[in-house]
């Protein structure tokens, strides 16, 4: 990762949260690109994020700009503390 687009993807993914992008935002936005942050927060009421709007907006941006697969690659490559099930989910999304 060394060009502007890669740096931007890294910044966006980190602001969303790698695990949150894989388990919440990627599948929800892929299924319905018009879903609102409120709708997502109601579906995942067990999560106590303060920044649903920002996370949703940033996730939608990745899709809108066609960077969602690059975001998945970044997450897989920087999987550090990710749970193995979350990592497997990211890999399966990438291979869709």
PDB file of N, CA and C in Angstrom:
ATOM      1  N   UNK A   1       0.845  -1.181   0.000  1.00  0.00           N
ATOM      2  CA  UNK A   1       0.000   0.000   0.000  1.00  0.00           C
ATOM      3  C   UNK A   1       0.888   1.241   0.000  1.00  0.00           C
ATOM      4  N   UNK A   2       0.878   1.904  -1.120  1.00  0.00           N
ATOM      5  CA  UNK A   2       1.727   3.081  -1.142  1.00  0.00           C
ATOM      6  C   UNK A   2       1.200   4.208  -2.014  1.00  0.00           C
ATOM      7  N   UNK A   3       0.120   3.985  -2.737  1.00  0.00           N
ATOM      8  CA  UNK A   3      -0.394   5.121  -3.499  1.00  0.00           C
ATOM      9  C   UNK A   3      -1.528   5.794  -2.720  1.00  0.00           C
ATOM     10  N   UNK A   4      -1.978   6.910  -3.214  1.00  0.00           N
ATOM     11  CA  UNK A   4      -2.990   7.705  -2.523  1.00  0.00           C
ATOM     12  C   UNK A   4      -4.260   6.896  -2.273  1.00  0.00           C
ATOM     13  N   UNK A   5      -4.698   6.136  -3.270  1.00  0.00           N
ATOM     14  CA  UNK A   5      -5.916   5.339  -3.125  1.00  0.00           C
ATOM     15  C   UNK A   5      -5.760   4.323  -1.990  1.00  0.00           C
ATOM     16  N   UNK A   6      -4.597   3.664  -1.902  1.00  0.00           N
ATOM     17  CA  UNK A   6      -4.367   2.683  -0.843  1.00  0.00           C
ATOM     18  C   UNK A   6      -4.363   3.338   0.531  1.00  0.00           C
ATOM     19  N   UNK A   7      -3.753   4.503   0.621  1.00  0.00           N
ATOM     20  CA  UNK A   7      -3.706   5.230   1.894  1.00  0.00           C
ATOM     21  C   UNK A   7      -5.118   5.647   2.294  1.00  0.00           C
ATOM     22  N   UNK A   8      -5.898   6.072   1.318  1.00  0.00           N
ATOM     23  CA  UNK A   8      -7.276   6.485   1.581  1.00  0.00           C
ATOM     24  C   UNK A   8      -8.118   5.297   2.049  1.00  0.00           C
ATOM     25  N   UNK A   9      -7.964   4.144   1.405  1.00  0.00           N
ATOM     26  CA  UNK A   9      -8.697   2.935   1.803  1.00  0.00           C
ATOM     27  C   UNK A   9      -8.345   2.567   3.238  1.00  0.00           C
ATOM     28  N   UNK A  10      -7.064   2.596   3.546  1.00  0.00           N
ATOM     29  CA  UNK A  10      -6.619   2.261   4.900  1.00  0.00           C
ATOM     30  C   UNK A  10      -7.259   3.200   5.927  1.00  0.00           C
ATOM     31  N   UNK A  11      -7.257   4.485   5.627  1.00  0.00           N
ATOM     32  CA  UNK A  11      -7.830   5.475   6.539  1.00  0.00           C
ATOM     33  C   UNK A  11      -9.333   5.239   6.721  1.00  0.00           C
ATOM     34  N   UNK A  12     -10.036   5.001   5.626  1.00  0.00           N
ATOM     35  CA  UNK A  12     -11.486   4.778   5.689  1.00  0.00           C
ATOM     36  C   UNK A  12     -11.800   3.508   6.473  1.00  0.00           C
ATOM     37  N   UNK A  13     -11.111   2.419   6.156  1.00  0.00           N
ATOM     38  CA  UNK A  13     -11.364   1.147   6.847  1.00  0.00           C
ATOM     39  C   UNK A  13     -11.079   1.285   8.335  1.00  0.00           C
ATOM     40  N   UNK A  14      -9.994   1.942   8.679  1.00  0.00           N
ATOM     41  CA  UNK A  14      -9.665   2.110  10.093  1.00  0.00           C
ATOM     42  C   UNK A  14     -10.707   2.955  10.821  1.00  0.00           C
ATOM     43  N   UNK A  15     -11.317   3.909  10.112  1.00  0.00           N
ATOM     44  CA  UNK A  15     -12.354   4.729  10.752  1.00  0.00           C
ATOM     45  C   UNK A  15     -13.648   3.939  10.957  1.00  0.00           C
ATOM     46  N   UNK A  16     -13.893   2.966  10.099  1.00  0.00           N
ATOM     47  CA  UNK A  16     -15.075   2.113  10.226  1.00  0.00           C
ATOM     48  C   UNK A  16     -14.837   1.053  11.298  1.00  0.00           C
ATOM     49  N   UNK A  17     -13.643   0.477  11.251  1.00  0.00           N
ATOM     50  CA  UNK A  17     -13.317  -0.674  12.092  1.00  0.00           C
ATOM     51  C   UNK A  17     -13.318  -1.908  11.220  1.00  0.00           C
ATOM     52  N   UNK A  18     -12.218  -2.644  11.217  1.00  0.00           N
ATOM     53  CA  UNK A  18     -12.109  -3.805  10.323  1.00  0.00           C
ATOM     54  C   UNK A  18     -13.178  -4.846  10.608  1.00  0.00           C
ATOM     55  N   UNK A  19     -13.348  -5.197  11.860  1.00  0.00           N
ATOM     56  CA  UNK A  19     -14.338  -6.210  12.216  1.00  0.00           C
ATOM     57  C   UNK A  19     -15.748  -5.719  11.908  1.00  0.00           C
ATOM     58  N   UNK A  20     -16.020  -4.457  12.207  1.00  0.00           N
ATOM     59  CA  UNK A  20     -17.347  -3.891  11.949  1.00  0.00           C
ATOM     60  C   UNK A  20     -17.656  -3.871  10.446  1.00  0.00           C
ATOM     61  N   UNK A  21     -16.670  -3.547   9.621  1.00  0.00           N
ATOM     62  CA  UNK A  21     -16.889  -3.531   8.180  1.00  0.00           C
ATOM     63  C   UNK A  21     -17.261  -4.925   7.684  1.00  0.00           C
ATOM     64  N   UNK A  22     -16.553  -5.931   8.167  1.00  0.00           N
ATOM     65  CA  UNK A  22     -16.801  -7.304   7.710  1.00  0.00           C
ATOM     66  C   UNK A  22     -18.122  -7.849   8.240  1.00  0.00           C
ATOM     67  N   UNK A  23     -18.402  -7.645   9.500  1.00  0.00           N
ATOM     68  CA  UNK A  23     -19.571  -8.296  10.103  1.00  0.00           C
ATOM     69  C   UNK A  23     -20.868  -7.520   9.964  1.00  0.00           C
ATOM     70  N   UNK A  24     -20.779  -6.210   9.753  1.00  0.00           N
ATOM     71  CA  UNK A  24     -21.999  -5.396   9.694  1.00  0.00           C
ATOM     72  C   UNK A  24     -22.143  -4.661   8.363  1.00  0.00           C
ATOM     73  N   UNK A  25     -21.214  -3.776   8.101  1.00  0.00           N
ATOM     74  CA  UNK A  25     -21.408  -2.820   7.011  1.00  0.00           C
ATOM     75  C   UNK A  25     -21.278  -3.428   5.621  1.00  0.00           C
ATOM     76  N   UNK A  26     -20.292  -4.284   5.396  1.00  0.00           N
ATOM     77  CA  UNK A  26     -20.158  -4.892   4.063  1.00  0.00           C
ATOM     78  C   UNK A  26     -21.425  -5.658   3.673  1.00  0.00           C
ATOM     79  N   UNK A  27     -21.884  -6.615   4.505  1.00  0.00           N
ATOM     80  CA  UNK A  27     -23.070  -7.370   4.068  1.00  0.00           C
ATOM     81  C   UNK A  27     -24.331  -6.522   3.969  1.00  0.00           C
ATOM     82  N   UNK A  28     -24.512  -5.566   4.872  1.00  0.00           N
ATOM     83  CA  UNK A  28     -25.726  -4.746   4.834  1.00  0.00           C
ATOM     84  C   UNK A  28     -25.762  -3.835   3.606  1.00  0.00           C
ATOM     85  N   UNK A  29     -24.658  -3.202   3.289  1.00  0.00           N
ATOM     86  CA  UNK A  29     -24.631  -2.267   2.156  1.00  0.00           C
ATOM     87  C   UNK A  29     -24.602  -3.024   0.837  1.00  0.00           C
ATOM     88  N   UNK A  30     -23.951  -4.173   0.810  1.00  0.00           N
ATOM     89  CA  UNK A  30     -23.967  -4.988  -0.407  1.00  0.00           C
ATOM     90  C   UNK A  30     -25.404  -5.417  -0.732  1.00  0.00           C
ATOM     91  N   UNK A  31     -26.148  -5.751   0.302  1.00  0.00           N
ATOM     92  CA  UNK A  31     -27.535  -6.183   0.139  1.00  0.00           C
ATOM     93  C   UNK A  31     -28.462  -5.022  -0.231  1.00  0.00           C
ATOM     94  N   UNK A  32     -28.217  -3.845   0.368  1.00  0.00           N
ATOM     95  CA  UNK A  32     -29.084  -2.685   0.148  1.00  0.00           C
ATOM     96  C   UNK A  32     -28.251  -1.413   0.232  1.00  0.00           C
ATOM     97  N   UNK A  33     -27.873  -0.889  -0.899  1.00  0.00           N
ATOM     98  CA  UNK A  33     -27.008   0.300  -0.915  1.00  0.00           C
ATOM     99  C   UNK A  33     -27.711   1.548  -0.394  1.00  0.00           C
ATOM    100  N   UNK A  34     -29.024   1.498  -0.241  1.00  0.00           N
ATOM    101  CA  UNK A  34     -29.791   2.643   0.249  1.00  0.00           C
ATOM    102  C   UNK A  34     -30.089   2.563   1.747  1.00  0.00           C
ATOM    103  N   UNK A  35     -29.602   1.529   2.420  1.00  0.00           N
ATOM    104  CA  UNK A  35     -29.877   1.365   3.843  1.00  0.00           C
ATOM    105  C   UNK A  35     -29.320   2.555   4.627  1.00  0.00           C
ATOM    106  N   UNK A  36     -30.038   2.965   5.648  1.00  0.00           N
ATOM    107  CA  UNK A  36     -29.606   4.108   6.445  1.00  0.00           C
ATOM    108  C   UNK A  36     -28.823   3.645   7.677  1.00  0.00           C
ATOM    109  N   UNK A  37     -28.095   4.560   8.248  1.00  0.00           N
ATOM    110  CA  UNK A  37     -27.353   4.233   9.462  1.00  0.00           C
ATOM    111  C   UNK A  37     -28.309   3.876  10.589  1.00  0.00           C
ATOM    112  N   UNK A  38     -29.464   4.508  10.617  1.00  0.00           N
ATOM    113  CA  UNK A  38     -30.456   4.190  11.644  1.00  0.00           C
ATOM    114  C   UNK A  38     -30.968   2.760  11.485  1.00  0.00           C
ATOM    115  N   UNK A  39     -31.247   2.355  10.260  1.00  0.00           N
ATOM    116  CA  UNK A  39     -31.714   0.987  10.018  1.00  0.00           C
ATOM    117  C   UNK A  39     -30.654  -0.034  10.438  1.00  0.00           C
ATOM    118  N   UNK A  40     -29.403   0.265  10.119  1.00  0.00           N
ATOM    119  CA  UNK A  40     -28.328  -0.650  10.504  1.00  0.00           C
ATOM    120  C   UNK A  40     -28.203  -0.698  12.024  1.00  0.00           C
ATOM    121  N   UNK A  41     -28.224   0.459  12.671  1.00  0.00           N
ATOM    122  CA  UNK A  41     -28.061   0.485  14.129  1.00  0.00           C
ATOM    123  C   UNK A  41     -29.187  -0.255  14.838  1.00  0.00           C
ATOM    124  N   UNK A  42     -30.394  -0.220  14.286  1.00  0.00           N
ATOM    125  CA  UNK A  42     -31.506  -0.957  14.889  1.00  0.00           C
ATOM    126  C   UNK A  42     -31.319  -2.469  14.744  1.00  0.00           C
ATOM    127  N   UNK A  43     -30.756  -2.898  13.603  1.00  0.00           N
ATOM    128  CA  UNK A  43     -30.514  -4.326  13.390  1.00  0.00           C
ATOM    129  C   UNK A  43     -29.407  -4.858  14.294  1.00  0.00           C
ATOM    130  N   UNK A  44     -28.488  -3.990  14.663  1.00  0.00           N
ATOM    131  CA  UNK A  44     -27.337  -4.390  15.485  1.00  0.00           C
ATOM    132  C   UNK A  44     -27.356  -3.610  16.799  1.00  0.00           C
ATOM    133  N   UNK A  45     -28.482  -3.643  17.466  1.00  0.00           N
ATOM    134  CA  UNK A  45     -28.648  -2.850  18.689  1.00  0.00           C
ATOM    135  C   UNK A  45     -27.740  -3.311  19.827  1.00  0.00           C
ATOM    136  N   UNK A  46     -27.149  -4.491  19.685  1.00  0.00           N
ATOM    137  CA  UNK A  46     -26.199  -4.960  20.697  1.00  0.00           C
ATOM    138  C   UNK A  46     -24.870  -4.208  20.609  1.00  0.00           C
ATOM    139  N   UNK A  47     -24.615  -3.566  19.475  1.00  0.00           N
ATOM    140  CA  UNK A  47     -23.397  -2.764  19.294  1.00  0.00           C
ATOM    141  C   UNK A  47     -23.663  -1.358  19.777  1.00  0.00           C
ATOM    142  N   UNK A  48     -22.774  -0.822  20.549  1.00  0.00           N
ATOM    143  CA  UNK A  48     -22.974   0.512  21.126  1.00  0.00           C
ATOM    144  C   UNK A  48     -22.041   1.540  20.499  1.00  0.00           C
ATOM    145  N   UNK A  49     -22.059   1.613  19.174  1.00  0.00           N
ATOM    146  CA  UNK A  49     -21.239   2.601  18.482  1.00  0.00           C
ATOM    147  C   UNK A  49     -21.847   3.988  18.626  1.00  0.00           C
ATOM    148  N   UNK A  50     -21.018   4.972  18.779  1.00  0.00           N
ATOM    149  CA  UNK A  50     -21.476   6.360  18.821  1.00  0.00           C
ATOM    150  C   UNK A  50     -21.502   6.956  17.415  1.00  0.00           C
ATOM    151  N   UNK A  51     -20.845   6.307  16.485  1.00  0.00           N
ATOM    152  CA  UNK A  51     -20.635   6.897  15.164  1.00  0.00           C
ATOM    153  C   UNK A  51     -21.258   6.079  14.031  1.00  0.00           C
ATOM    154  N   UNK A  52     -22.505   5.681  14.191  1.00  0.00           N
ATOM    155  CA  UNK A  52     -23.164   4.904  13.142  1.00  0.00           C
ATOM    156  C   UNK A  52     -23.197   5.663  11.819  1.00  0.00           C
ATOM    157  N   UNK A  53     -23.511   6.953  11.872  1.00  0.00           N
ATOM    158  CA  UNK A  53     -23.601   7.744  10.641  1.00  0.00           C
ATOM    159  C   UNK A  53     -22.276   7.763   9.893  1.00  0.00           C
ATOM    160  N   UNK A  54     -21.209   8.020  10.595  1.00  0.00           N
ATOM    161  CA  UNK A  54     -19.882   8.090   9.988  1.00  0.00           C
ATOM    162  C   UNK A  54     -19.463   6.731   9.427  1.00  0.00           C
ATOM    163  N   UNK A  55     -19.668   5.685  10.193  1.00  0.00           N
ATOM    164  CA  UNK A  55     -19.281   4.340   9.736  1.00  0.00           C
ATOM    165  C   UNK A  55     -20.086   3.932   8.503  1.00  0.00           C
ATOM    166  N   UNK A  56     -21.375   4.223   8.526  1.00  0.00           N
ATOM    167  CA  UNK A  56     -22.228   3.894   7.379  1.00  0.00           C
ATOM    168  C   UNK A  56     -21.819   4.703   6.156  1.00  0.00           C
ATOM    169  N   UNK A  57     -21.616   5.982   6.339  1.00  0.00           N
ATOM    170  CA  UNK A  57     -21.221   6.864   5.240  1.00  0.00           C
ATOM    171  C   UNK A  57     -19.893   6.419   4.621  1.00  0.00           C
ATOM    172  N   UNK A  58     -18.920   6.113   5.456  1.00  0.00           N
ATOM    173  CA  UNK A  58     -17.619   5.665   4.951  1.00  0.00           C
ATOM    174  C   UNK A  58     -17.725   4.321   4.239  1.00  0.00           C
ATOM    175  N   UNK A  59     -18.549   3.437   4.751  1.00  0.00           N
ATOM    176  CA  UNK A  59     -18.733   2.139   4.102  1.00  0.00           C
ATOM    177  C   UNK A  59     -19.392   2.302   2.741  1.00  0.00           C
ATOM    178  N   UNK A  60     -20.408   3.149   2.681  1.00  0.00           N
ATOM    179  CA  UNK A  60     -21.085   3.410   1.408  1.00  0.00           C
ATOM    180  C   UNK A  60     -20.114   4.030   0.406  1.00  0.00           C
ATOM    181  N   UNK A  61     -19.239   4.876   0.899  1.00  0.00           N
ATOM    182  CA  UNK A  61     -18.253   5.509   0.018  1.00  0.00           C
ATOM    183  C   UNK A  61     -17.367   4.451  -0.637  1.00  0.00           C
ATOM    184  N   UNK A  62     -16.935   3.466   0.140  1.00  0.00           N
ATOM    185  CA  UNK A  62     -16.100   2.397  -0.430  1.00  0.00           C
ATOM    186  C   UNK A  62     -16.819   1.708  -1.590  1.00  0.00           C
ATOM    187  N   UNK A  63     -18.106   1.422  -1.399  1.00  0.00           N
ATOM    188  CA  UNK A  63     -18.883   0.786  -2.470  1.00  0.00           C
ATOM    189  C   UNK A  63     -19.088   1.737  -3.642  1.00  0.00           C
ATOM    190  N   UNK A  64     -19.466   2.958  -3.343  1.00  0.00           N
ATOM    191  CA  UNK A  64     -19.754   3.950  -4.394  1.00  0.00           C
ATOM    192  C   UNK A  64     -18.539   4.177  -5.291  1.00  0.00           C
ATOM    193  N   UNK A  65     -17.351   4.163  -4.684  1.00  0.00           N
ATOM    194  CA  UNK A  65     -16.126   4.402  -5.441  1.00  0.00           C
ATOM    195  C   UNK A  65     -15.455   3.113  -5.908  1.00  0.00           C
ATOM    196  N   UNK A  66     -16.148   1.983  -5.734  1.00  0.00           N
ATOM    197  CA  UNK A  66     -15.629   0.711  -6.211  1.00  0.00           C
ATOM    198  C   UNK A  66     -14.380   0.227  -5.478  1.00  0.00           C
ATOM    199  N   UNK A  67     -14.264   0.594  -4.213  1.00  0.00           N
ATOM    200  CA  UNK A  67     -13.067   0.232  -3.449  1.00  0.00           C
ATOM    201  C   UNK A  67     -13.330  -0.858  -2.407  1.00  0.00           C
ATOM    202  N   UNK A  68     -14.519  -1.475  -2.445  1.00  0.00           N
ATOM    203  CA  UNK A  68     -14.850  -2.449  -1.407  1.00  0.00           C
ATOM    204  C   UNK A  68     -13.957  -3.693  -1.442  1.00  0.00           C
ATOM    205  N   UNK A  69     -13.585  -4.157  -2.630  1.00  0.00           N
ATOM    206  CA  UNK A  69     -12.711  -5.338  -2.720  1.00  0.00           C
ATOM    207  C   UNK A  69     -11.296  -5.007  -2.238  1.00  0.00           C
ATOM    208  N   UNK A  70     -10.821  -3.812  -2.563  1.00  0.00           N
ATOM    209  CA  UNK A  70      -9.511  -3.392  -2.064  1.00  0.00           C
ATOM    210  C   UNK A  70      -9.533  -3.276  -0.544  1.00  0.00           C
ATOM    211  N   UNK A  71     -10.659  -2.814  -0.004  1.00  0.00           N
ATOM    212  CA  UNK A  71     -10.801  -2.723   1.451  1.00  0.00           C
ATOM    213  C   UNK A  71     -10.737  -4.119   2.078  1.00  0.00           C
ATOM    214  N   UNK A  72     -11.389  -5.083   1.440  1.00  0.00           N
ATOM    215  CA  UNK A  72     -11.330  -6.461   1.943  1.00  0.00           C
ATOM    216  C   UNK A  72      -9.896  -6.991   1.904  1.00  0.00           C
ATOM    217  N   UNK A  73      -9.198  -6.712   0.812  1.00  0.00           N
ATOM    218  CA  UNK A  73      -7.795  -7.153   0.709  1.00  0.00           C
ATOM    219  C   UNK A  73      -6.952  -6.534   1.826  1.00  0.00           C
ATOM    220  N   UNK A  74      -7.138  -5.255   2.057  1.00  0.00           N
ATOM    221  CA  UNK A  74      -6.401  -4.579   3.124  1.00  0.00           C
ATOM    222  C   UNK A  74      -6.699  -5.239   4.472  1.00  0.00           C
ATOM    223  N   UNK A  75      -7.956  -5.507   4.746  1.00  0.00           N
ATOM    224  CA  UNK A  75      -8.339  -6.124   6.018  1.00  0.00           C
ATOM    225  C   UNK A  75      -7.706  -7.503   6.168  1.00  0.00           C
ATOM    226  N   UNK A  76      -7.731  -8.290   5.105  1.00  0.00           N
ATOM    227  CA  UNK A  76      -7.144  -9.633   5.155  1.00  0.00           C
ATOM    228  C   UNK A  76      -5.637  -9.551   5.375  1.00  0.00           C
ATOM    229  N   UNK A  77      -4.987  -8.639   4.664  1.00  0.00           N
ATOM    230  CA  UNK A  77      -3.530  -8.498   4.777  1.00  0.00           C
ATOM    231  C   UNK A  77      -3.103  -7.956   6.141  1.00  0.00           C
ATOM    232  N   UNK A  78      -3.968  -7.201   6.790  1.00  0.00           N
ATOM    233  CA  UNK A  78      -3.623  -6.613   8.083  1.00  0.00           C
ATOM    234  C   UNK A  78      -4.464  -7.237   9.191  1.00  0.00           C
ATOM    235  N   UNK A  79      -4.695  -8.533   9.084  1.00  0.00           N
ATOM    236  CA  UNK A  79      -5.659  -9.217   9.947  1.00  0.00           C
ATOM    237  C   UNK A  79      -5.274  -9.289  11.414  1.00  0.00           C
ATOM    238  N   UNK A  80      -4.029  -8.996  11.763  1.00  0.00           N
ATOM    239  CA  UNK A  80      -3.549  -8.956  13.135  1.00  0.00           C
ATOM    240  C   UNK A  80      -4.408  -9.581  14.210  1.00  0.00           C
ATOM    241  N   UNK A  81      -5.316  -8.799  14.775  1.00  0.00           N
ATOM    242  CA  UNK A  81      -6.117  -9.250  15.906  1.00  0.00           C
ATOM    243  C   UNK A  81      -7.512  -9.715  15.510  1.00  0.00           C
ATOM    244  N   UNK A  82      -7.767  -9.895  14.236  1.00  0.00           N
ATOM    245  CA  UNK A  82      -9.097 -10.315  13.810  1.00  0.00           C
ATOM    246  C   UNK A  82      -9.350 -11.770  14.170  1.00  0.00           C
ATOM    247  N   UNK A  83     -10.552 -12.036  14.618  1.00  0.00           N
ATOM    248  CA  UNK A  83     -11.005 -13.389  14.901  1.00  0.00           C
ATOM    249  C   UNK A  83     -10.951 -14.207  13.603  1.00  0.00           C
ATOM    250  N   UNK A  84     -10.601 -15.463  13.701  1.00  0.00           N
ATOM    251  CA  UNK A  84     -10.453 -16.292  12.491  1.00  0.00           C
ATOM    252  C   UNK A  84     -11.763 -16.414  11.713  1.00  0.00           C
ATOM    253  N   UNK A  85     -12.912 -16.418  12.398  1.00  0.00           N
ATOM    254  CA  UNK A  85     -14.196 -16.478  11.693  1.00  0.00           C
ATOM    255  C   UNK A  85     -14.448 -15.211  10.887  1.00  0.00           C
ATOM    256  N   UNK A  86     -14.057 -14.075  11.432  1.00  0.00           N
ATOM    257  CA  UNK A  86     -14.215 -12.801  10.731  1.00  0.00           C
ATOM    258  C   UNK A  86     -13.291 -12.777   9.519  1.00  0.00           C
ATOM    259  N   UNK A  87     -12.086 -13.266   9.683  1.00  0.00           N
ATOM    260  CA  UNK A  87     -11.132 -13.335   8.578  1.00  0.00           C
ATOM    261  C   UNK A  87     -11.652 -14.241   7.461  1.00  0.00           C
ATOM    262  N   UNK A  88     -12.213 -15.380   7.825  1.00  0.00           N
ATOM    263  CA  UNK A  88     -12.791 -16.294   6.827  1.00  0.00           C
ATOM    264  C   UNK A  88     -13.944 -15.636   6.088  1.00  0.00           C
ATOM    265  N   UNK A  89     -14.746 -14.876   6.813  1.00  0.00           N
ATOM    266  CA  UNK A  89     -15.864 -14.165   6.200  1.00  0.00           C
ATOM    267  C   UNK A  89     -15.339 -13.141   5.189  1.00  0.00           C
ATOM    268  N   UNK A  90     -14.290 -12.420   5.563  1.00  0.00           N
ATOM    269  CA  UNK A  90     -13.682 -11.429   4.657  1.00  0.00           C
ATOM    270  C   UNK A  90     -13.178 -12.115   3.395  1.00  0.00           C
ATOM    271  N   UNK A  91     -12.528 -13.259   3.558  1.00  0.00           N
ATOM    272  CA  UNK A  91     -12.010 -14.003   2.406  1.00  0.00           C
ATOM    273  C   UNK A  91     -13.146 -14.487   1.511  1.00  0.00           C
ATOM    274  N   UNK A  92     -14.245 -14.926   2.112  1.00  0.00           N
ATOM    275  CA  UNK A  92     -15.361 -15.393   1.297  1.00  0.00           C
ATOM    276  C   UNK A  92     -16.002 -14.231   0.540  1.00  0.00           C
ATOM    277  N   UNK A  93     -16.105 -13.057   1.160  1.00  0.00           N
ATOM    278  CA  UNK A  93     -16.636 -11.885   0.462  1.00  0.00           C
ATOM    279  C   UNK A  93     -15.730 -11.505  -0.717  1.00  0.00           C
ATOM    280  N   UNK A  94     -14.438 -11.596  -0.504  1.00  0.00           N
ATOM    281  CA  UNK A  94     -13.494 -11.232  -1.551  1.00  0.00           C
ATOM    282  C   UNK A  94     -13.619 -12.185  -2.740  1.00  0.00           C
ATOM    283  N   UNK A  95     -13.937 -13.431  -2.466  1.00  0.00           N
ATOM    284  CA  UNK A  95     -14.019 -14.442  -3.523  1.00  0.00           C
ATOM    285  C   UNK A  95     -15.405 -14.538  -4.174  1.00  0.00           C
ATOM    286  N   UNK A  96     -16.325 -13.687  -3.774  1.00  0.00           N
ATOM    287  CA  UNK A  96     -17.684 -13.711  -4.367  1.00  0.00           C
ATOM    288  C   UNK A  96     -17.651 -13.299  -5.822  1.00  0.00           C
TER     289      UNK A  96
END
